[in-house]
Protein backbone atom coordinates (compact mmCIF):
# COMPACT_ATOMS: atom_id res chain seq x y z
CA UNK A 1 0.04 -0.19 -0.05
CA UNK A 2 1.11 3.73 -0.87
CA UNK A 3 0.18 5.96 1.73
CA UNK A 4 2.04 3.77 4.42
CA UNK A 5 1.30 6.41 7.05
CA UNK A 6 -2.36 4.93 6.58
CA UNK A 7 -1.27 2.17 9.53
CA UNK A 8 1.17 4.59 11.91
CA UNK A 9 -0.59 3.53 15.72
CA UNK A 10 0.99 6.93 17.56
CA UNK A 11 4.75 9.04 17.46
CA UNK A 12 6.15 6.62 18.30
CA UNK A 13 6.01 4.29 15.00
CA UNK A 14 8.06 7.46 13.27
CA UNK A 15 11.25 8.87 13.10
CA UNK A 16 12.84 12.58 12.69
CA UNK A 17 10.80 15.68 11.47
CA UNK A 18 7.81 13.36 11.19
CA UNK A 19 8.39 12.36 15.03
CA UNK A 20 7.96 15.77 15.90
CA UNK A 21 4.93 17.09 13.83
CA UNK A 22 3.47 13.92 14.94
CA UNK A 23 4.09 14.13 18.69
CA UNK A 24 3.42 18.41 18.06
CA UNK A 25 -0.35 16.93 17.43
CA UNK A 26 -0.31 14.74 20.07
CA UNK A 27 0.49 17.05 22.53
CA UNK A 28 -1.51 20.16 21.46
CA UNK A 29 -5.13 19.04 22.58
CA UNK A 30 -4.02 18.83 26.00
CA UNK A 31 -2.34 21.70 26.09
CA UNK A 32 -5.66 23.80 24.20
CA UNK A 33 -7.73 22.09 27.19
CA UNK A 34 -4.55 22.97 30.19
CA UNK A 35 -4.39 26.15 29.12
CA UNK A 36 -8.03 27.25 29.12
CA UNK A 37 -8.87 25.94 33.00
CA UNK A 38 -5.28 27.74 33.89
CA UNK A 39 -6.16 30.95 32.07
CA UNK A 40 -9.45 30.85 34.05
CA UNK A 41 -8.21 30.07 37.38
CA UNK A 42 -5.14 33.49 37.06
CA UNK A 43 -8.01 35.49 34.95
CA UNK A 44 -10.09 35.37 38.32
CA UNK A 45 -6.95 35.77 40.55
CA UNK A 46 -5.68 38.64 37.77
CA UNK A 47 -8.50 40.06 36.10
CA UNK A 48 -12.20 39.02 37.88
CA UNK A 49 -13.99 41.74 36.04
CA UNK A 50 -12.72 40.69 32.32
CA UNK A 51 -13.18 36.49 33.65
CA UNK A 52 -17.07 37.67 34.75
CA UNK A 53 -17.78 38.83 31.77
CA UNK A 54 -16.19 35.40 30.35
CA UNK A 55 -17.91 33.42 32.12
CA UNK A 56 -21.47 34.97 31.62
CA UNK A 57 -20.69 35.03 27.80
CA UNK A 58 -19.50 31.41 27.95
CA UNK A 59 -23.16 30.66 29.85
CA UNK A 60 -24.67 32.45 27.35
CA UNK A 61 -22.64 30.18 24.40
CA UNK A 62 -23.33 26.62 26.34
CA UNK A 63 -27.19 27.66 26.17
CA UNK A 64 -27.49 28.39 23.32
CA UNK A 65 -25.55 25.03 22.14
CA UNK A 66 -27.34 23.11 24.26
CA UNK A 67 -31.01 24.82 22.42
CA UNK A 68 -29.14 23.82 18.87
CA UNK A 69 -28.13 20.26 20.24
CA UNK A 70 -32.01 19.94 21.59
CA UNK A 71 -33.37 20.48 18.45
CA UNK A 72 -31.05 18.16 16.50
CA UNK A 73 -32.30 15.07 19.47
CA UNK A 74 -35.67 15.90 18.48
CA UNK A 75 -35.36 15.54 15.48
CA UNK A 76 -32.97 12.38 15.34
CA UNK A 77 -35.85 11.07 18.19
CA UNK A 78 -38.79 11.32 15.89
CA UNK A 79 -37.01 9.80 12.43
CA UNK A 80 -36.03 6.78 14.56
CA UNK A 81 -39.92 7.13 15.47
CA UNK A 82 -40.92 6.80 12.11
CA UNK A 83 -38.30 4.91 10.98
CA UNK A 84 -39.24 1.59 13.14
CA UNK A 85 -42.33 1.73 11.98
CA UNK A 86 -40.97 0.86 8.62
CA UNK A 87 -40.95 -2.83 6.42
CA UNK A 88 -37.83 -2.55 5.24
CA UNK A 89 -37.47 -5.82 3.95
CA UNK A 90 -41.14 -4.84 1.57
CA UNK A 91 -39.65 -1.50 0.91
CA UNK A 92 -36.11 -3.77 -0.68
CA UNK A 93 -38.40 -5.72 -2.41
CA UNK A 94 -40.08 -3.32 -4.18
CA UNK A 95 -37.28 -2.16 -5.91
CA UNK A 96 -36.28 -3.30 -9.56
CA UNK A 97 -34.57 -6.91 -9.34
CA UNK A 98 -31.74 -7.54 -11.42
CA UNK A 99 -28.02 -6.10 -11.05
CA UNK A 100 -28.55 -3.46 -8.73
CA UNK A 101 -31.00 -5.62 -6.84
CA UNK A 102 -30.46 -6.22 -2.93
CA UNK A 103 -30.79 -10.05 -3.88
CA UNK A 104 -26.85 -9.88 -4.97
CA UNK A 105 -25.68 -8.81 -1.37
CA UNK A 106 -24.46 -10.31 1.41
CA UNK A 107 -24.22 -9.64 5.26
CA UNK A 108 -20.41 -10.19 7.02
CA UNK A 109 -20.71 -9.91 11.09
CA UNK A 110 -17.79 -9.75 12.56
CA UNK A 111 -17.78 -10.20 16.69
CA UNK A 112 -14.46 -9.84 17.90
CA UNK A 113 -15.40 -10.86 21.42
CA UNK A 114 -12.78 -11.12 24.41
CA UNK A 115 -14.19 -13.03 27.60
CA UNK A 116 -17.99 -12.03 27.32
CA UNK A 117 -20.01 -14.78 28.83
CA UNK A 118 -21.87 -16.86 26.72
CA UNK A 119 -24.43 -15.12 28.26
CA UNK A 120 -24.28 -11.70 26.20
CA UNK A 121 -23.20 -13.40 23.20
CA UNK A 122 -26.34 -15.76 23.48
CA UNK A 123 -28.38 -12.75 23.35
CA UNK A 124 -26.30 -11.56 20.95
CA UNK A 125 -26.74 -14.26 18.02
CA UNK A 126 -30.36 -14.42 18.96
CA UNK A 127 -30.99 -11.78 17.93
CA UNK A 128 -29.40 -12.59 14.64
CA UNK A 129 -31.08 -15.33 14.35
CA UNK A 130 -34.71 -13.81 14.55
CA UNK A 131 -34.16 -10.58 12.29
CA UNK A 132 -36.35 -10.28 9.32
CA UNK A 133 -33.91 -10.50 6.66
CA UNK A 134 -32.69 -13.95 5.05
CA UNK A 135 -30.55 -15.67 7.09
CA UNK A 136 -28.96 -17.28 3.93
CA UNK A 137 -27.51 -14.25 3.39
CA UNK A 138 -25.35 -13.90 6.27
CA UNK A 139 -21.41 -14.89 6.99
CA UNK A 140 -20.58 -14.71 10.24
CA UNK A 141 -17.73 -14.84 12.25
CA UNK A 142 -17.22 -14.85 16.06
CA UNK A 143 -13.45 -13.95 16.55
CA UNK A 144 -11.87 -14.79 19.52
CA UNK A 145 -8.52 -14.51 21.46
CA UNK A 146 -6.16 -16.45 22.06
CA UNK A 147 -4.96 -14.44 25.43
CA UNK A 148 -8.71 -14.78 26.70
CA UNK A 149 -7.97 -18.63 27.02
CA UNK A 150 -9.54 -21.82 26.56
CA UNK A 151 -13.06 -20.31 28.30
CA UNK A 152 -13.96 -18.21 25.85
CA UNK A 153 -13.23 -21.27 22.70
CA UNK A 154 -15.19 -23.17 24.31
CA UNK A 155 -17.84 -20.05 25.03
CA UNK A 156 -17.67 -19.58 20.68
CA UNK A 157 -18.00 -23.12 20.64
CA UNK A 158 -21.06 -23.74 22.38
CA UNK A 159 -22.29 -20.48 20.19
CA UNK A 160 -21.03 -22.37 16.83
CA UNK A 161 -23.02 -25.44 18.37
CA UNK A 162 -26.50 -23.65 19.03
CA UNK A 163 -26.47 -21.14 15.76
CA UNK A 164 -24.12 -22.30 13.18
CA UNK A 165 -26.53 -24.17 11.30
CA UNK A 166 -29.11 -20.93 10.47
CA UNK A 167 -26.69 -18.78 8.61
CA UNK A 168 -24.83 -19.39 4.93
CA UNK A 169 -21.39 -18.98 6.83
CA UNK A 170 -20.20 -19.73 10.61
CA UNK A 171 -16.86 -19.40 10.90
CA UNK A 172 -14.49 -18.94 13.96
CA UNK A 173 -11.39 -17.01 14.82
CA UNK A 174 -8.81 -17.14 16.74
CA UNK A 175 -6.12 -13.75 17.40
CA UNK A 176 -2.79 -15.00 17.42
CA UNK A 177 -1.70 -13.29 21.15
CA UNK A 178 1.64 -11.33 21.96
CA UNK A 179 1.96 -10.41 17.47
CA UNK A 180 4.89 -8.33 16.73
CA UNK A 181 3.96 -4.61 15.53
CA UNK A 182 0.63 -5.12 17.21
CA UNK A 183 -1.67 -3.36 19.71
CA UNK A 184 -3.66 -6.20 21.29
CA UNK A 185 -7.51 -5.21 21.35
CA UNK A 186 -10.86 -4.86 19.01
CA UNK A 187 -8.61 -3.15 16.10
CA UNK A 188 -6.07 -6.12 15.37
CA UNK A 189 -8.65 -9.14 16.49
CA UNK A 190 -10.97 -7.81 13.27
CA UNK A 191 -8.32 -7.22 11.13
CA UNK A 192 -7.06 -10.27 12.13
CA UNK A 193 -10.30 -12.58 11.04
CA UNK A 194 -11.29 -10.31 8.24
CA UNK A 195 -8.55 -11.80 6.50
CA UNK A 196 -9.28 -15.13 7.25
CA UNK A 197 -13.25 -14.69 6.08
CA UNK A 198 -11.56 -13.25 3.17
CA UNK A 199 -10.14 -16.55 2.22
CA UNK A 200 -13.67 -17.93 2.36
CA UNK A 201 -15.20 -14.76 0.32
CA UNK A 202 -12.61 -15.85 -2.07
CA UNK A 203 -13.62 -20.31 -2.22
CA UNK A 204 -17.08 -18.88 -2.60
CA UNK A 205 -16.47 -16.47 -5.12
CA UNK A 206 -18.38 -13.55 -3.59
CA UNK A 207 -17.69 -9.87 -5.36
CA UNK A 208 -16.31 -7.15 -2.44
CA UNK A 209 -18.72 -5.04 -3.74
CA UNK A 210 -21.91 -7.46 -2.78
CA UNK A 211 -20.70 -7.69 0.47
CA UNK A 212 -21.38 -5.34 2.80
CA UNK A 213 -18.77 -6.02 6.23
CA UNK A 214 -20.52 -5.55 9.68
CA UNK A 215 -18.09 -4.49 13.06
CA UNK A 216 -19.97 -5.45 16.01
CA UNK A 217 -19.60 -5.69 19.37
CA UNK A 218 -20.13 -8.62 21.61
CA UNK A 219 -23.43 -7.28 23.02
CA UNK A 220 -24.53 -5.58 19.79
CA UNK A 221 -28.64 -6.41 19.48
CA UNK A 222 -30.25 -5.81 15.93
CA UNK A 223 -34.20 -5.07 15.68
CA UNK A 224 -35.64 -7.08 13.08
CA UNK A 225 -35.65 -4.61 10.49
CA UNK A 226 -31.96 -3.35 10.90
CA UNK A 227 -30.35 -5.43 8.10
CA UNK A 228 -32.91 -4.59 5.20
CA UNK A 229 -32.24 -0.80 6.96
CA UNK A 230 -28.76 -0.83 5.87
CA UNK A 231 -29.53 -2.57 2.89
CA UNK A 232 -31.91 -0.31 1.70
CA UNK A 233 -29.27 3.04 1.85
CA UNK A 234 -26.18 0.33 1.43
CA UNK A 235 -28.33 0.76 -2.01
CA UNK A 236 -29.69 3.95 -2.27
CA UNK A 237 -25.85 5.44 -1.45
CA UNK A 238 -24.36 7.66 -4.05
CA UNK A 239 -21.33 5.74 -3.31
CA UNK A 240 -22.21 2.82 -1.10
CA UNK A 241 -18.02 1.92 -1.50
CA UNK A 242 -17.11 4.83 -0.01
CA UNK A 243 -19.57 5.05 2.62
CA UNK A 244 -19.98 3.94 6.01
CA UNK A 245 -23.05 3.37 7.16
CA UNK A 246 -23.76 4.26 11.18
CA UNK A 247 -27.20 2.85 13.59
CA UNK A 248 -27.65 4.98 16.51
CA UNK A 249 -26.28 2.68 19.48
CA UNK A 250 -28.53 2.49 22.35
CA UNK A 251 -27.48 1.56 25.68
CA UNK A 252 -30.41 -0.31 27.04
CA UNK A 253 -29.68 -4.49 27.13
CA UNK A 254 -29.47 -4.38 30.97
CA UNK A 255 -30.78 -0.58 31.65
CA UNK A 256 -33.22 -1.50 34.34
CA UNK A 257 -30.57 -3.62 36.42
CA UNK A 258 -27.17 -0.80 36.26
CA UNK A 259 -27.34 2.26 39.00
CA UNK A 260 -28.78 5.21 37.77
CA UNK A 261 -25.12 6.77 37.77
CA UNK A 262 -24.48 4.51 35.18
CA UNK A 263 -27.76 4.49 33.18
CA UNK A 264 -27.01 8.24 32.74
CA UNK A 265 -23.94 8.14 31.52
CA UNK A 266 -25.05 5.15 28.68
CA UNK A 267 -27.91 7.34 27.62
CA UNK A 268 -26.33 10.20 27.65
CA UNK A 269 -23.59 8.91 25.47
CA UNK A 270 -27.06 7.55 23.25
CA UNK A 271 -27.85 11.02 23.59
CA UNK A 272 -24.71 12.75 22.20
CA UNK A 273 -24.19 9.90 18.89
CA UNK A 274 -28.64 10.81 17.86
CA UNK A 275 -27.29 14.66 17.97
CA UNK A 276 -24.74 13.60 15.48
CA UNK A 277 -26.81 11.93 12.87
CA UNK A 278 -27.87 14.76 12.75
CA UNK A 279 -25.03 16.83 12.25
CA UNK A 280 -22.86 14.74 9.20
CA UNK A 281 -19.74 16.91 8.99
CA UNK A 282 -19.04 15.72 11.97
CA UNK A 283 -20.39 11.86 12.21
CA UNK A 284 -17.22 9.79 12.17
CA UNK A 285 -17.77 5.92 12.79
CA UNK A 286 -18.79 4.71 16.25
CA UNK A 287 -18.81 1.34 18.32
CA UNK A 288 -21.34 -1.12 15.98
CA UNK A 289 -21.30 0.36 12.69
CA UNK A 290 -21.03 -0.82 8.61
CA UNK A 291 -19.47 -0.12 5.34
CA UNK A 292 -18.45 -2.04 2.09
CA UNK A 293 -15.73 -5.00 1.70
CA UNK A 294 -14.39 -3.96 -1.07
CA UNK A 295 -13.32 -0.19 0.67
CA UNK A 296 -12.12 -3.06 3.32
CA UNK A 297 -10.05 -4.62 1.99
CA UNK A 298 -8.74 -2.22 -0.44
CA UNK A 299 -7.56 -0.45 2.30
CA UNK A 300 -5.63 -3.43 3.90
CA UNK A 301 -8.47 -3.73 7.13
CA UNK A 302 -8.55 -2.18 9.91
CA UNK A 303 -4.80 -0.30 11.88
CA UNK A 304 -3.87 -3.32 14.47
CA UNK A 305 -1.21 -0.39 16.36
CA UNK A 306 -4.49 1.66 18.30
CA UNK A 307 -6.95 2.19 20.34
CA UNK A 308 -10.09 3.92 18.72
CA UNK A 309 -9.62 1.13 15.87
CA UNK A 310 -13.90 2.05 15.52
CA UNK A 311 -13.21 5.82 14.67
CA UNK A 312 -9.93 5.48 13.11
CA UNK A 313 -11.19 3.51 10.66
CA UNK A 314 -13.00 6.45 9.22
CA UNK A 315 -10.45 8.77 9.36
CA UNK A 316 -8.09 6.16 7.45
CA UNK A 317 -10.74 5.86 4.84
CA UNK A 318 -10.98 9.72 4.60
CA UNK A 319 -7.51 9.77 3.60
CA UNK A 320 -7.08 6.79 1.58
CA UNK A 321 -9.49 7.88 -0.22
CA UNK A 322 -8.11 11.29 -1.15
CA UNK A 323 -11.41 13.27 1.15
CA UNK A 324 -13.73 11.16 -0.76
CA UNK A 325 -15.31 9.07 1.99
CA UNK A 326 -18.52 9.85 4.64
CA UNK A 327 -20.70 8.38 7.33
CA UNK A 328 -23.68 8.15 6.74
CA UNK A 329 -25.99 8.18 9.12
CA UNK A 330 -29.09 5.36 9.37
CA UNK A 331 -31.79 6.41 11.76
CA UNK A 332 -32.35 3.33 13.34
CA UNK A 333 -30.72 1.88 16.71
CA UNK A 334 -29.05 -1.46 17.54
CA UNK A 335 -29.05 -2.21 20.94
CA UNK A 336 -25.83 -2.31 23.53
CA UNK A 337 -25.18 -2.98 27.01
CA UNK A 338 -24.65 0.03 29.90
CA UNK A 339 -21.63 -0.96 32.86
CA UNK A 340 -22.76 -2.96 34.94
CA UNK A 341 -20.30 -5.13 37.94
CA UNK A 342 -20.98 -6.82 40.65
CA UNK A 343 -20.63 -3.85 42.59
CA UNK A 344 -22.32 -0.55 42.47
CA UNK A 345 -18.14 0.57 42.75
CA UNK A 346 -17.26 -2.20 40.58
CA UNK A 347 -19.79 -0.43 38.22
CA UNK A 348 -18.43 3.51 38.64
CA UNK A 349 -14.91 1.98 37.76
CA UNK A 350 -16.11 0.41 34.59
CA UNK A 351 -17.82 3.28 33.84
CA UNK A 352 -15.22 5.57 34.73
CA UNK A 353 -12.45 3.46 32.00
CA UNK A 354 -14.96 3.24 29.53
CA UNK A 355 -15.22 6.69 29.13
CA UNK A 356 -11.48 7.16 29.69
CA UNK A 357 -11.38 4.80 26.78
CA UNK A 358 -13.35 6.89 24.29
CA UNK A 359 -11.59 9.94 25.76
CA UNK A 360 -8.65 8.67 24.05
CA UNK A 361 -10.09 9.13 20.88
CA UNK A 362 -7.93 11.90 20.31
CA UNK A 363 -5.65 9.78 19.22
CA UNK A 364 -7.35 10.21 16.07
CA UNK A 365 -6.51 14.25 16.15
CA UNK A 366 -2.66 14.14 15.10
CA UNK A 367 -3.42 10.91 12.67
CA UNK A 368 -5.26 13.08 10.52
CA UNK A 369 -3.56 15.85 10.91
CA UNK A 370 -0.12 14.11 10.18
CA UNK A 371 -2.16 12.51 7.04
CA UNK A 372 -3.13 15.58 5.64
CA UNK A 373 0.07 17.44 5.66
CA UNK A 374 1.81 13.70 3.81
CA UNK A 375 -1.81 13.64 1.51
CA UNK A 376 -1.72 16.35 -1.01
CA UNK A 377 -4.49 15.31 -2.77
CA UNK A 378 -6.89 16.30 0.63
CA UNK A 379 -9.09 18.84 0.02
CA UNK A 380 -7.99 21.87 1.90
CA UNK A 381 -11.88 23.74 3.29
CA UNK A 382 -12.88 19.98 4.13
CA UNK A 383 -9.64 18.83 5.55
CA UNK A 384 -9.59 22.54 7.83
CA UNK A 385 -13.45 21.66 8.38
CA UNK A 386 -12.87 18.11 9.80
CA UNK A 387 -9.81 18.96 12.41
CA UNK A 388 -11.46 22.04 13.39
CA UNK A 389 -14.53 20.10 14.42
CA UNK A 390 -12.33 17.57 15.80
CA UNK A 391 -10.02 20.39 18.19
CA UNK A 392 -13.08 21.85 19.18
CA UNK A 393 -14.82 18.64 19.93
CA UNK A 394 -12.33 17.29 22.00
CA UNK A 395 -11.88 20.85 24.06
CA UNK A 396 -14.94 21.12 25.05
CA UNK A 397 -15.11 17.47 26.17
CA UNK A 398 -12.14 18.20 28.91
CA UNK A 399 -13.18 21.68 29.53
CA UNK A 400 -17.06 22.99 29.35
CA UNK A 401 -18.07 21.08 32.10
CA UNK A 402 -15.51 22.40 34.07
CA UNK A 403 -15.65 25.81 33.71
CA UNK A 404 -19.20 25.32 33.46
CA UNK A 405 -19.98 23.45 37.12
CA UNK A 406 -17.02 24.24 39.01
CA UNK A 407 -14.76 27.57 37.53
CA UNK A 408 -17.53 29.84 37.41
CA UNK A 409 -17.59 30.75 40.96
CA UNK A 410 -13.72 31.28 41.02
CA UNK A 411 -13.75 35.23 40.32
CA UNK A 412 -15.76 35.27 44.13
CA UNK A 413 -13.11 33.60 45.68
CA UNK A 414 -10.60 34.84 44.11
CA UNK A 415 -10.99 38.01 42.56
CA UNK A 416 -10.56 39.94 45.92
CA UNK A 417 -12.28 42.59 48.77
CA UNK A 418 -12.17 45.19 45.63
CA UNK A 419 -14.08 42.89 43.40
CA UNK A 420 -16.03 41.50 45.43
CA UNK A 421 -17.80 44.99 47.01
CA UNK A 422 -18.73 45.70 42.71
CA UNK A 423 -22.31 44.77 41.44
CA UNK A 424 -21.29 42.56 39.42
CA UNK A 425 -19.77 40.46 41.83
CA UNK A 426 -23.12 40.26 43.16
CA UNK A 427 -25.02 39.46 39.53
CA UNK A 428 -22.94 37.02 38.42
CA UNK A 429 -23.66 34.02 40.35
CA UNK A 430 -27.44 35.26 39.88
CA UNK A 431 -26.79 35.20 36.34
CA UNK A 432 -24.97 32.17 36.48
CA UNK A 433 -27.78 30.50 37.80
CA UNK A 434 -30.67 31.59 35.62
CA UNK A 435 -28.99 30.80 32.56
CA UNK A 436 -27.73 27.45 33.63
CA UNK A 437 -31.26 26.78 34.82
CA UNK A 438 -32.63 27.61 31.51
CA UNK A 439 -29.70 25.51 30.38
CA UNK A 440 -30.80 22.52 31.97
CA UNK A 441 -34.34 22.36 30.45
CA UNK A 442 -33.12 20.00 27.98
CA UNK A 443 -33.11 17.73 31.43
CA UNK A 444 -37.16 17.31 30.82
CA UNK A 445 -36.87 15.86 27.00
CA UNK A 446 -33.85 13.96 28.00
CA UNK A 447 -36.24 12.30 30.61
CA UNK A 448 -38.98 12.15 28.52
CA UNK A 449 -36.51 10.49 25.57
CA UNK A 450 -34.79 7.65 27.91
CA UNK A 451 -38.36 6.66 29.17
CA UNK A 452 -39.85 5.81 25.83
CA UNK A 453 -36.77 4.89 24.87
CA UNK A 454 -36.54 2.00 28.04
CA UNK A 455 -37.48 -2.05 26.83
CA UNK A 456 -40.35 -3.33 29.20
CA UNK A 457 -39.64 -3.59 32.29
CA UNK A 458 -38.15 -7.26 33.14
CA UNK A 459 -39.90 -9.60 36.17
CA UNK A 460 -38.23 -8.52 40.07
CA UNK A 461 -38.56 -4.60 39.49
CA UNK A 462 -41.22 -2.44 40.78
CA UNK A 463 -42.79 -0.20 38.95
CA UNK A 464 -42.01 2.30 41.33
CA UNK A 465 -38.72 2.01 39.08
CA UNK A 466 -40.34 3.90 36.33
CA UNK A 467 -39.78 7.09 38.58
CA UNK A 468 -36.29 6.76 39.08
CA UNK A 469 -35.62 6.51 35.78
CA UNK A 470 -37.30 9.92 35.47
CA UNK A 471 -35.54 11.48 38.62
CA UNK A 472 -31.97 10.05 37.94
CA UNK A 473 -31.19 12.94 35.27
CA UNK A 474 -31.20 15.43 38.90
CA UNK A 475 -27.11 13.44 38.45
CA UNK A 476 -26.62 14.95 35.53
CA UNK A 477 -23.95 17.35 36.16
CA UNK A 478 -22.19 14.67 38.31
CA UNK A 479 -21.73 12.57 35.52
CA UNK A 480 -20.37 15.01 32.58
CA UNK A 481 -17.75 16.44 35.61
CA UNK A 482 -16.73 12.74 37.33
CA UNK A 483 -17.22 10.43 33.96
CA UNK A 484 -17.00 12.90 30.78
CA UNK A 485 -14.44 16.23 31.42
CA UNK A 486 -12.54 14.37 33.86
CA UNK A 487 -12.05 11.19 32.01
CA UNK A 488 -11.73 13.37 28.75
CA UNK A 489 -8.79 15.57 29.87
CA UNK A 490 -7.01 12.87 31.45
CA UNK A 491 -7.06 11.16 27.94
CA UNK A 492 -5.73 14.49 26.51
CA UNK A 493 -3.14 14.43 29.52
CA UNK A 494 -1.84 11.12 29.05
CA UNK A 495 -1.41 11.46 24.83
CA UNK A 496 -0.17 14.98 26.11
CA UNK A 497 2.38 13.32 27.38
CA UNK A 498 3.25 10.30 25.71
CA UNK A 499 1.79 7.92 27.83
CA UNK A 500 -0.07 5.93 25.90
CA UNK A 501 -2.97 3.49 26.51
CA UNK A 502 -3.05 -0.14 26.49
CA UNK A 503 -7.19 -1.31 25.10
CA UNK A 504 -8.97 -2.11 27.53
CA UNK A 505 -11.88 -4.30 27.25
CA UNK A 506 -15.33 -3.57 29.15
CA UNK A 507 -16.54 -6.03 30.99
CA UNK A 508 -20.04 -7.60 30.72
CA UNK A 509 -22.73 -9.07 33.12
CA UNK A 510 -25.79 -9.67 33.48
CA UNK A 511 -28.08 -10.21 36.17
CA UNK A 512 -29.57 -13.65 36.72
CA UNK A 513 -33.54 -14.33 36.51
């Protein structure tokens, strides 16, 4: 492959001037976030009047941004409700059958897993078996890890024994441990699985352009018409082989069993992705998604040296195709797990570590900037827009909640007696409180949408828990600080210091019934 820079994991893979450039952009996101926070602290002491007006202006910006995103959330929610009622298979059958018809297409579904218990994978495969789409069009790969031990391989064998005969092909792969040049994680596993299933597809003489490849987490459960919806949008896409297809992840498989804090974080992630669906200029791939196998093979599969492989494949595609690549939003959900451990503290630890791993997505900023500098065919304006959106997104992640809920009161504490005698100091907390109260109106819509998205209440849960599901949103200020801004800032700080993370697999659990 000519564009060798697409395989880079981090600055340690480079030397000389290339290392300096890449490393500089690894440092920059953390520098911007910490500089912002330190700026507010110092100005609260040295220039309290200036920073008071800055805080008021920032609160107004936050309010307007909240209203803007709430509008996107409402539109996406309405479109999801509409698309869930569509008979997508019937819509496909109404298309003209021929060389462009849907009957020629196959769905390759790669499910990498580590130590997920049989019960979790069983629910995932049950949803695949019960989909409305013809199962003879499914090629399934259950991708185990050698480092997970014999128990994982036994789990894979049990799944194959139960579901293997239901699909066109069912393949188990075992990704070897300690492969030189690889970071142990999802990206290296799905690449190994992809190369193995490519051999099978070659033997079956199925054209790559007739295969839609999906990568699912071990806990991803599809709704009955998901593959019909995906196939329809693939056929309707202007350039299906230069497009990824992103459903809405709803973290509600086990939502009734999780603590309130975990529920709020998980549902907030769902809402954020719903907002992104309405902003395609910012939309990259996340978690479970699909794309053409033709594109995957042309790019030599996924990267094997980074953590954020779900989004990295989008940035790799964008650079490989010289900017001629896009993510098409599907207004159709897939269901996944919220964090749940055996203890409350264990759950909170897992929530934090998952957010930290997602915050590590800042590693894609230096990757894309470096690729943009190397690829002279990348459209300049498009690249600058992507770079700005990425910097702004991660800067907001690491700073905004801290500025709003913690640092907004600093001028009163550090501004000195002279500032505290001013009318401005008297009105600052009142103006801030009013603006934040208006911004928190969005919690009402969050409570409503989250209640509508809830799966049926399982046995053993009292009716009053519905009320808990509504009132849990008062925890939102806590979650966006301790499970949003802080892990996001830590991830950027680690990247800034060159303390590269290893892949952490989110544990999955089920409560026995």
